[in-house]
């Protein structure tokens, strides 16, 4: 997803979720969220925007072959291994959204 796409998603999200709530969820300060919104963030705002999308966005899950959000992703990735879901379990373990692989939130 491009930086412009992430920024558009962020601006739309701010219509329904407060900057303070986004700050709490992402671990960034309210000031940082405000600075990104106003184009005055001193660092790489793409990192902040990616963190926002990781928490509030939806994405295609190749293991489930459908669109899911963070809560469902977190639930699925920690479900115990079983013979009936070996492919899904393996996909979740290797997914870049998995916290153990440096992705996710």
C-alpha atoms as a PDB file:
ATOM      1  CA  UNK A   1       0.000   0.000   0.000  1.00  0.00           C
ATOM      2  CA  UNK A   2       1.412   3.385  -0.949  1.00  0.00           C
ATOM      3  CA  UNK A   3       2.000   6.216   1.499  1.00  0.00           C
ATOM      4  CA  UNK A   4      -0.824   8.181  -0.150  1.00  0.00           C
ATOM      5  CA  UNK A   5      -3.207   5.226   0.277  1.00  0.00           C
ATOM      6  CA  UNK A   6      -2.207   4.904   3.933  1.00  0.00           C
ATOM      7  CA  UNK A   7      -2.681   8.634   4.494  1.00  0.00           C
ATOM      8  CA  UNK A   8      -6.131   8.561   2.860  1.00  0.00           C
ATOM      9  CA  UNK A   9      -7.088   5.619   5.060  1.00  0.00           C
ATOM     10  CA  UNK A  10      -5.829   7.538   8.118  1.00  0.00           C
ATOM     11  CA  UNK A  11      -7.809  10.690   7.269  1.00  0.00           C
ATOM     12  CA  UNK A  12     -10.994   8.653   6.719  1.00  0.00           C
ATOM     13  CA  UNK A  13     -10.411   6.842  10.018  1.00  0.00           C
ATOM     14  CA  UNK A  14     -10.168  10.159  11.853  1.00  0.00           C
ATOM     15  CA  UNK A  15     -13.799  10.814  10.893  1.00  0.00           C
ATOM     16  CA  UNK A  16     -14.890   7.964  13.189  1.00  0.00           C
ATOM     17  CA  UNK A  17     -12.011   7.437  15.634  1.00  0.00           C
ATOM     18  CA  UNK A  18     -10.396  10.176  17.698  1.00  0.00           C
ATOM     19  CA  UNK A  19      -6.723  10.982  17.378  1.00  0.00           C
ATOM     20  CA  UNK A  20      -6.347  10.199  21.094  1.00  0.00           C
ATOM     21  CA  UNK A  21      -7.814   6.724  20.577  1.00  0.00           C
ATOM     22  CA  UNK A  22      -5.499   6.123  17.618  1.00  0.00           C
ATOM     23  CA  UNK A  23      -2.552   7.282  19.725  1.00  0.00           C
ATOM     24  CA  UNK A  24      -3.436   4.863  22.528  1.00  0.00           C
ATOM     25  CA  UNK A  25      -3.911   1.957  20.119  1.00  0.00           C
ATOM     26  CA  UNK A  26      -0.679   2.546  18.204  1.00  0.00           C
ATOM     27  CA  UNK A  27       1.560   3.654  21.058  1.00  0.00           C
ATOM     28  CA  UNK A  28       2.331   6.967  19.382  1.00  0.00           C
ATOM     29  CA  UNK A  29       1.664  10.240  21.168  1.00  0.00           C
ATOM     30  CA  UNK A  30      -1.389  12.355  20.421  1.00  0.00           C
ATOM     31  CA  UNK A  31       1.038  15.008  19.216  1.00  0.00           C
ATOM     32  CA  UNK A  32       2.583  12.614  16.722  1.00  0.00           C
ATOM     33  CA  UNK A  33      -0.859  11.632  15.412  1.00  0.00           C
ATOM     34  CA  UNK A  34      -1.796  15.299  15.078  1.00  0.00           C
ATOM     35  CA  UNK A  35       1.496  16.086  13.324  1.00  0.00           C
ATOM     36  CA  UNK A  36       0.931  13.296  10.790  1.00  0.00           C
ATOM     37  CA  UNK A  37      -2.609  14.549  10.193  1.00  0.00           C
ATOM     38  CA  UNK A  38      -1.357  18.084   9.569  1.00  0.00           C
ATOM     39  CA  UNK A  39       1.685  17.085   7.494  1.00  0.00           C
ATOM     40  CA  UNK A  40       4.137  18.328  10.124  1.00  0.00           C
ATOM     41  CA  UNK A  41       5.543  15.037  11.446  1.00  0.00           C
ATOM     42  CA  UNK A  42       9.333  15.351  11.668  1.00  0.00           C
ATOM     43  CA  UNK A  43      10.121  11.678  11.052  1.00  0.00           C
ATOM     44  CA  UNK A  44       8.994   9.209   8.427  1.00  0.00           C
ATOM     45  CA  UNK A  45       5.217   9.412   8.741  1.00  0.00           C
ATOM     46  CA  UNK A  46       4.821   6.253   6.649  1.00  0.00           C
ATOM     47  CA  UNK A  47       5.870   4.236   9.709  1.00  0.00           C
ATOM     48  CA  UNK A  48       3.108   5.829  11.781  1.00  0.00           C
ATOM     49  CA  UNK A  49       0.579   5.349   8.985  1.00  0.00           C
ATOM     50  CA  UNK A  50       1.550   1.684   8.655  1.00  0.00           C
ATOM     51  CA  UNK A  51       1.050   1.214  12.403  1.00  0.00           C
ATOM     52  CA  UNK A  52      -2.417   2.773  12.132  1.00  0.00           C
ATOM     53  CA  UNK A  53      -3.318   0.519   9.216  1.00  0.00           C
ATOM     54  CA  UNK A  54      -1.991  -2.564  11.005  1.00  0.00           C
ATOM     55  CA  UNK A  55      -4.449  -1.923  13.834  1.00  0.00           C
ATOM     56  CA  UNK A  56      -7.467  -0.431  12.076  1.00  0.00           C
ATOM     57  CA  UNK A  57      -7.172  -1.771   8.547  1.00  0.00           C
ATOM     58  CA  UNK A  58      -8.441  -4.901   6.914  1.00  0.00           C
ATOM     59  CA  UNK A  59      -6.372  -7.083   4.630  1.00  0.00           C
ATOM     60  CA  UNK A  60      -6.612 -10.249   2.619  1.00  0.00           C
ATOM     61  CA  UNK A  61      -5.546 -13.281   4.660  1.00  0.00           C
ATOM     62  CA  UNK A  62      -4.072 -15.922   2.356  1.00  0.00           C
ATOM     63  CA  UNK A  63      -4.563 -18.623   4.995  1.00  0.00           C
ATOM     64  CA  UNK A  64      -8.311 -17.955   5.287  1.00  0.00           C
ATOM     65  CA  UNK A  65      -8.680 -16.619   1.726  1.00  0.00           C
ATOM     66  CA  UNK A  66     -10.813 -13.660   2.831  1.00  0.00           C
ATOM     67  CA  UNK A  67     -10.563 -10.160   4.237  1.00  0.00           C
ATOM     68  CA  UNK A  68     -10.004  -9.924   7.987  1.00  0.00           C
ATOM     69  CA  UNK A  69      -9.123  -7.300  10.573  1.00  0.00           C
ATOM     70  CA  UNK A  70      -6.569  -7.259  13.357  1.00  0.00           C
ATOM     71  CA  UNK A  71      -8.734  -8.920  16.028  1.00  0.00           C
ATOM     72  CA  UNK A  72      -9.497 -11.934  13.853  1.00  0.00           C
ATOM     73  CA  UNK A  73      -5.895 -12.109  12.683  1.00  0.00           C
ATOM     74  CA  UNK A  74      -4.648 -12.166  16.281  1.00  0.00           C
ATOM     75  CA  UNK A  75      -7.152 -14.870  17.195  1.00  0.00           C
ATOM     76  CA  UNK A  76      -6.213 -17.042  14.244  1.00  0.00           C
ATOM     77  CA  UNK A  77      -2.465 -16.713  14.632  1.00  0.00           C
ATOM     78  CA  UNK A  78      -2.487 -17.996  18.228  1.00  0.00           C
ATOM     79  CA  UNK A  79      -4.900 -20.875  17.734  1.00  0.00           C
ATOM     80  CA  UNK A  80      -3.195 -24.147  18.560  1.00  0.00           C
ATOM     81  CA  UNK A  81      -1.856 -26.410  15.883  1.00  0.00           C
ATOM     82  CA  UNK A  82      -4.118 -29.236  14.740  1.00  0.00           C
ATOM     83  CA  UNK A  83      -3.951 -31.688  11.862  1.00  0.00           C
ATOM     84  CA  UNK A  84      -7.103 -30.181  10.345  1.00  0.00           C
ATOM     85  CA  UNK A  85      -5.622 -26.721  10.018  1.00  0.00           C
ATOM     86  CA  UNK A  86      -1.960 -27.389   9.326  1.00  0.00           C
ATOM     87  CA  UNK A  87      -1.810 -25.179   6.197  1.00  0.00           C
ATOM     88  CA  UNK A  88      -3.496 -22.279   7.961  1.00  0.00           C
ATOM     89  CA  UNK A  89      -1.280 -22.667  11.037  1.00  0.00           C
ATOM     90  CA  UNK A  90       1.864 -22.704   8.873  1.00  0.00           C
ATOM     91  CA  UNK A  91       0.709 -19.641   6.919  1.00  0.00           C
ATOM     92  CA  UNK A  92       0.002 -17.733  10.146  1.00  0.00           C
ATOM     93  CA  UNK A  93       3.430 -18.628  11.557  1.00  0.00           C
ATOM     94  CA  UNK A  94       5.167 -17.251   8.466  1.00  0.00           C
ATOM     95  CA  UNK A  95       2.934 -14.223   7.854  1.00  0.00           C
ATOM     96  CA  UNK A  96       4.579 -10.797   8.033  1.00  0.00           C
ATOM     97  CA  UNK A  97       1.713  -9.671  10.290  1.00  0.00           C
ATOM     98  CA  UNK A  98       2.713 -12.206  12.934  1.00  0.00           C
ATOM     99  CA  UNK A  99       4.361 -10.410  15.890  1.00  0.00           C
ATOM    100  CA  UNK A 100       6.979 -13.160  16.094  1.00  0.00           C
ATOM    101  CA  UNK A 101       8.098 -12.310  12.547  1.00  0.00           C
ATOM    102  CA  UNK A 102       8.423  -8.584  13.109  1.00  0.00           C
ATOM    103  CA  UNK A 103       4.998  -7.743  11.688  1.00  0.00           C
ATOM    104  CA  UNK A 104       1.610  -7.105  13.202  1.00  0.00           C
ATOM    105  CA  UNK A 105       0.956  -5.043  16.271  1.00  0.00           C
END
